[in-house]
Amino acid sequence: MAHRDVLSTTLEHRGDALVVTLVGRLDSSVAENLHQMLRDAIVPTVRRLVIDLNGLDYINSAGLRIVLMVGKQIHGAEGRVIFVGLHGIVEEVFGTCGFLIIFDTAPSLEAALGAP
């Protein structure tokens, strides 16, 4: 798979879920913009943050920090963060950092949206 130099982000509210699709690279050049976008999109009715990582090629410490901060925001509101599409180096990094213990995963977007 070819590496993409930029991050493409799609946000979609589906009931009590906010579905975030990330494609490309999540690094320090885009992390703060993503953080602001997510803070603005996480309204009080959001109970589940579903993050689709199928198209994410790379994440560094700045990206991990944003994931952790947004995860704390959702958990503080009694919500859940569910990752979909973990693969390759991104999955390895999440495992090494302990994110696979802290956050939930689902095999598909449909499964994540069906989760209570």
C-alpha atoms as a PDB file:
ATOM      1  CA  MET A   1       0.000   0.000   0.000  1.00  0.00           C
ATOM      2  CA  ALA A   2       1.382   3.419  -0.922  1.00  0.00           C
ATOM      3  CA  HIS A   3       1.902   5.880   1.900  1.00  0.00           C
ATOM      4  CA  ARG A   4      -0.221   9.002   1.882  1.00  0.00           C
ATOM      5  CA  ASP A   5       1.464  12.181   3.105  1.00  0.00           C
ATOM      6  CA  VAL A   6      -1.667  13.857   4.434  1.00  0.00           C
ATOM      7  CA  LEU A   7      -4.516  12.868   6.718  1.00  0.00           C
ATOM      8  CA  SER A   8      -8.032  12.717   5.363  1.00  0.00           C
ATOM      9  CA  THR A   9     -10.716  12.794   8.045  1.00  0.00           C
ATOM     10  CA  THR A  10     -14.416  12.073   7.737  1.00  0.00           C
ATOM     11  CA  LEU A  11     -16.837  12.648  10.630  1.00  0.00           C
ATOM     12  CA  GLU A  12     -20.376  11.290  10.693  1.00  0.00           C
ATOM     13  CA  HIS A  13     -22.913  11.273  13.508  1.00  0.00           C
ATOM     14  CA  ARG A  14     -24.959   8.054  13.603  1.00  0.00           C
ATOM     15  CA  GLY A  15     -27.388   8.046  16.500  1.00  0.00           C
ATOM     16  CA  ASP A  16     -25.331   8.201  19.696  1.00  0.00           C
ATOM     17  CA  ALA A  17     -22.124   7.402  17.796  1.00  0.00           C
ATOM     18  CA  LEU A  18     -19.583   9.646  16.157  1.00  0.00           C
ATOM     19  CA  VAL A  19     -17.838   7.724  13.383  1.00  0.00           C
ATOM     20  CA  VAL A  20     -14.399   9.061  12.515  1.00  0.00           C
ATOM     21  CA  THR A  21     -12.620   7.670   9.466  1.00  0.00           C
ATOM     22  CA  LEU A  22      -8.896   8.385   9.198  1.00  0.00           C
ATOM     23  CA  VAL A  23      -6.944   7.837   5.990  1.00  0.00           C
ATOM     24  CA  GLY A  24      -3.240   8.585   5.590  1.00  0.00           C
ATOM     25  CA  ARG A  25      -0.761   9.648   8.273  1.00  0.00           C
ATOM     26  CA  LEU A  26      -1.555  10.930  11.760  1.00  0.00           C
ATOM     27  CA  ASP A  27       1.516  12.828  12.902  1.00  0.00           C
ATOM     28  CA  SER A  28       2.472  16.113  14.533  1.00  0.00           C
ATOM     29  CA  SER A  29       1.711  18.105  11.378  1.00  0.00           C
ATOM     30  CA  VAL A  30      -2.030  17.304  11.629  1.00  0.00           C
ATOM     31  CA  ALA A  31      -2.586  16.188  15.229  1.00  0.00           C
ATOM     32  CA  GLU A  32      -3.734  19.509  16.692  1.00  0.00           C
ATOM     33  CA  ASN A  33      -6.166  20.174  13.844  1.00  0.00           C
ATOM     34  CA  LEU A  34      -7.634  16.698  14.331  1.00  0.00           C
ATOM     35  CA  HIS A  35      -7.897  17.271  18.071  1.00  0.00           C
ATOM     36  CA  GLN A  36      -9.826  20.512  17.586  1.00  0.00           C
ATOM     37  CA  MET A  37     -12.107  18.889  15.008  1.00  0.00           C
ATOM     38  CA  LEU A  38     -12.912  16.001  17.372  1.00  0.00           C
ATOM     39  CA  ARG A  39     -13.445  18.249  20.411  1.00  0.00           C
ATOM     40  CA  ASP A  40     -15.948  20.267  18.395  1.00  0.00           C
ATOM     41  CA  ALA A  41     -17.739  17.145  17.106  1.00  0.00           C
ATOM     42  CA  ILE A  42     -18.060  15.365  20.456  1.00  0.00           C
ATOM     43  CA  VAL A  43     -21.361  16.778  21.637  1.00  0.00           C
ATOM     44  CA  PRO A  44     -23.144  15.627  24.837  1.00  0.00           C
ATOM     45  CA  THR A  45     -25.261  13.085  22.923  1.00  0.00           C
ATOM     46  CA  VAL A  46     -22.177  11.169  21.722  1.00  0.00           C
ATOM     47  CA  ARG A  47     -21.836   7.962  23.750  1.00  0.00           C
ATOM     48  CA  ARG A  48     -19.610   6.049  21.338  1.00  0.00           C
ATOM     49  CA  LEU A  49     -16.632   7.284  19.397  1.00  0.00           C
ATOM     50  CA  VAL A  50     -15.976   4.797  16.598  1.00  0.00           C
ATOM     51  CA  ILE A  51     -12.631   5.358  14.906  1.00  0.00           C
ATOM     52  CA  ASP A  52     -12.113   3.547  11.606  1.00  0.00           C
ATOM     53  CA  LEU A  53      -8.382   3.019  11.061  1.00  0.00           C
ATOM     54  CA  ASN A  54      -8.570   0.843   7.934  1.00  0.00           C
ATOM     55  CA  GLY A  55      -6.906   3.585   5.892  1.00  0.00           C
ATOM     56  CA  LEU A  56      -4.414   4.821   8.483  1.00  0.00           C
ATOM     57  CA  ASP A  57      -0.836   4.101   7.361  1.00  0.00           C
ATOM     58  CA  TYR A  58       1.092   5.695  10.213  1.00  0.00           C
ATOM     59  CA  ILE A  59       0.674   7.199  13.681  1.00  0.00           C
ATOM     60  CA  ASN A  60       3.313   8.816  15.871  1.00  0.00           C
ATOM     61  CA  SER A  61       3.368   9.995  19.485  1.00  0.00           C
ATOM     62  CA  ALA A  62       1.494  13.218  18.657  1.00  0.00           C
ATOM     63  CA  GLY A  63      -1.310  11.171  17.109  1.00  0.00           C
ATOM     64  CA  LEU A  64      -1.361   8.761  20.049  1.00  0.00           C
ATOM     65  CA  ARG A  65      -1.634  11.710  22.427  1.00  0.00           C
ATOM     66  CA  ILE A  66      -4.727  12.965  20.588  1.00  0.00           C
ATOM     67  CA  VAL A  67      -6.301   9.499  20.710  1.00  0.00           C
ATOM     68  CA  LEU A  68      -5.657   9.318  24.450  1.00  0.00           C
ATOM     69  CA  MET A  69      -6.998  12.826  25.153  1.00  0.00           C
ATOM     70  CA  VAL A  70     -10.178  12.260  23.154  1.00  0.00           C
ATOM     71  CA  GLY A  71     -10.565   8.833  24.764  1.00  0.00           C
ATOM     72  CA  LYS A  72     -10.424  10.416  28.213  1.00  0.00           C
ATOM     73  CA  GLN A  73     -13.040  12.961  27.134  1.00  0.00           C
ATOM     74  CA  ILE A  74     -15.416  10.200  25.989  1.00  0.00           C
ATOM     75  CA  HIS A  75     -14.739   7.974  29.018  1.00  0.00           C
ATOM     76  CA  GLY A  76     -15.336  10.957  31.321  1.00  0.00           C
ATOM     77  CA  ALA A  77     -18.813  11.264  29.820  1.00  0.00           C
ATOM     78  CA  GLU A  78     -19.461   7.540  30.458  1.00  0.00           C
ATOM     79  CA  GLY A  79     -18.939   6.724  26.787  1.00  0.00           C
ATOM     80  CA  ARG A  80     -16.838   4.238  24.848  1.00  0.00           C
ATOM     81  CA  VAL A  81     -14.113   4.452  22.229  1.00  0.00           C
ATOM     82  CA  ILE A  82     -14.145   1.634  19.687  1.00  0.00           C
ATOM     83  CA  PHE A  83     -11.408   1.132  17.095  1.00  0.00           C
ATOM     84  CA  VAL A  84     -12.133  -0.615  13.809  1.00  0.00           C
ATOM     85  CA  GLY A  85      -9.654  -1.743  11.172  1.00  0.00           C
ATOM     86  CA  LEU A  86      -6.477  -1.983  13.197  1.00  0.00           C
ATOM     87  CA  HIS A  87      -3.739  -3.441  11.026  1.00  0.00           C
ATOM     88  CA  GLY A  88      -0.003  -3.545  10.422  1.00  0.00           C
ATOM     89  CA  ILE A  89       2.238  -1.038  12.143  1.00  0.00           C
ATOM     90  CA  VAL A  90      -0.713   0.923  13.555  1.00  0.00           C
ATOM     91  CA  GLU A  91      -1.958  -2.199  15.365  1.00  0.00           C
ATOM     92  CA  GLU A  92       1.560  -2.926  16.638  1.00  0.00           C
ATOM     93  CA  VAL A  93       1.910   0.607  18.016  1.00  0.00           C
ATOM     94  CA  PHE A  94      -1.513   0.438  19.703  1.00  0.00           C
ATOM     95  CA  GLY A  95      -0.577  -2.891  21.291  1.00  0.00           C
ATOM     96  CA  THR A  96       2.808  -1.656  22.485  1.00  0.00           C
ATOM     97  CA  CYS A  97       1.265   1.469  24.024  1.00  0.00           C
ATOM     98  CA  GLY A  98      -1.430  -0.525  25.847  1.00  0.00           C
ATOM     99  CA  PHE A  99      -4.269   1.065  23.880  1.00  0.00           C
ATOM    100  CA  LEU A 100      -5.699  -2.375  23.076  1.00  0.00           C
ATOM    101  CA  ILE A 101      -6.242  -2.833  26.830  1.00  0.00           C
ATOM    102  CA  ILE A 102      -7.646   0.661  27.473  1.00  0.00           C
ATOM    103  CA  PHE A 103      -9.962   0.918  24.462  1.00  0.00           C
ATOM    104  CA  ASP A 104     -12.377  -1.443  22.731  1.00  0.00           C
ATOM    105  CA  THR A 105     -11.982  -2.875  19.236  1.00  0.00           C
ATOM    106  CA  ALA A 106     -14.496  -4.287  16.794  1.00  0.00           C
ATOM    107  CA  PRO A 107     -14.025  -6.416  13.661  1.00  0.00           C
ATOM    108  CA  SER A 108     -16.133  -4.100  11.524  1.00  0.00           C
ATOM    109  CA  LEU A 109     -17.885  -0.750  11.486  1.00  0.00           C
ATOM    110  CA  GLU A 110     -21.228  -2.539  11.597  1.00  0.00           C
ATOM    111  CA  ALA A 111     -20.194  -4.467  14.727  1.00  0.00           C
ATOM    112  CA  ALA A 112     -18.981  -1.277  16.424  1.00  0.00           C
ATOM    113  CA  LEU A 113     -22.213   0.539  15.665  1.00  0.00           C
ATOM    114  CA  GLY A 114     -24.244  -2.406  16.963  1.00  0.00           C
ATOM    115  CA  ALA A 115     -22.318  -2.497  20.246  1.00  0.00           C
ATOM    116  CA  PRO A 116     -24.270  -1.221  23.258  1.00  0.00           C
END
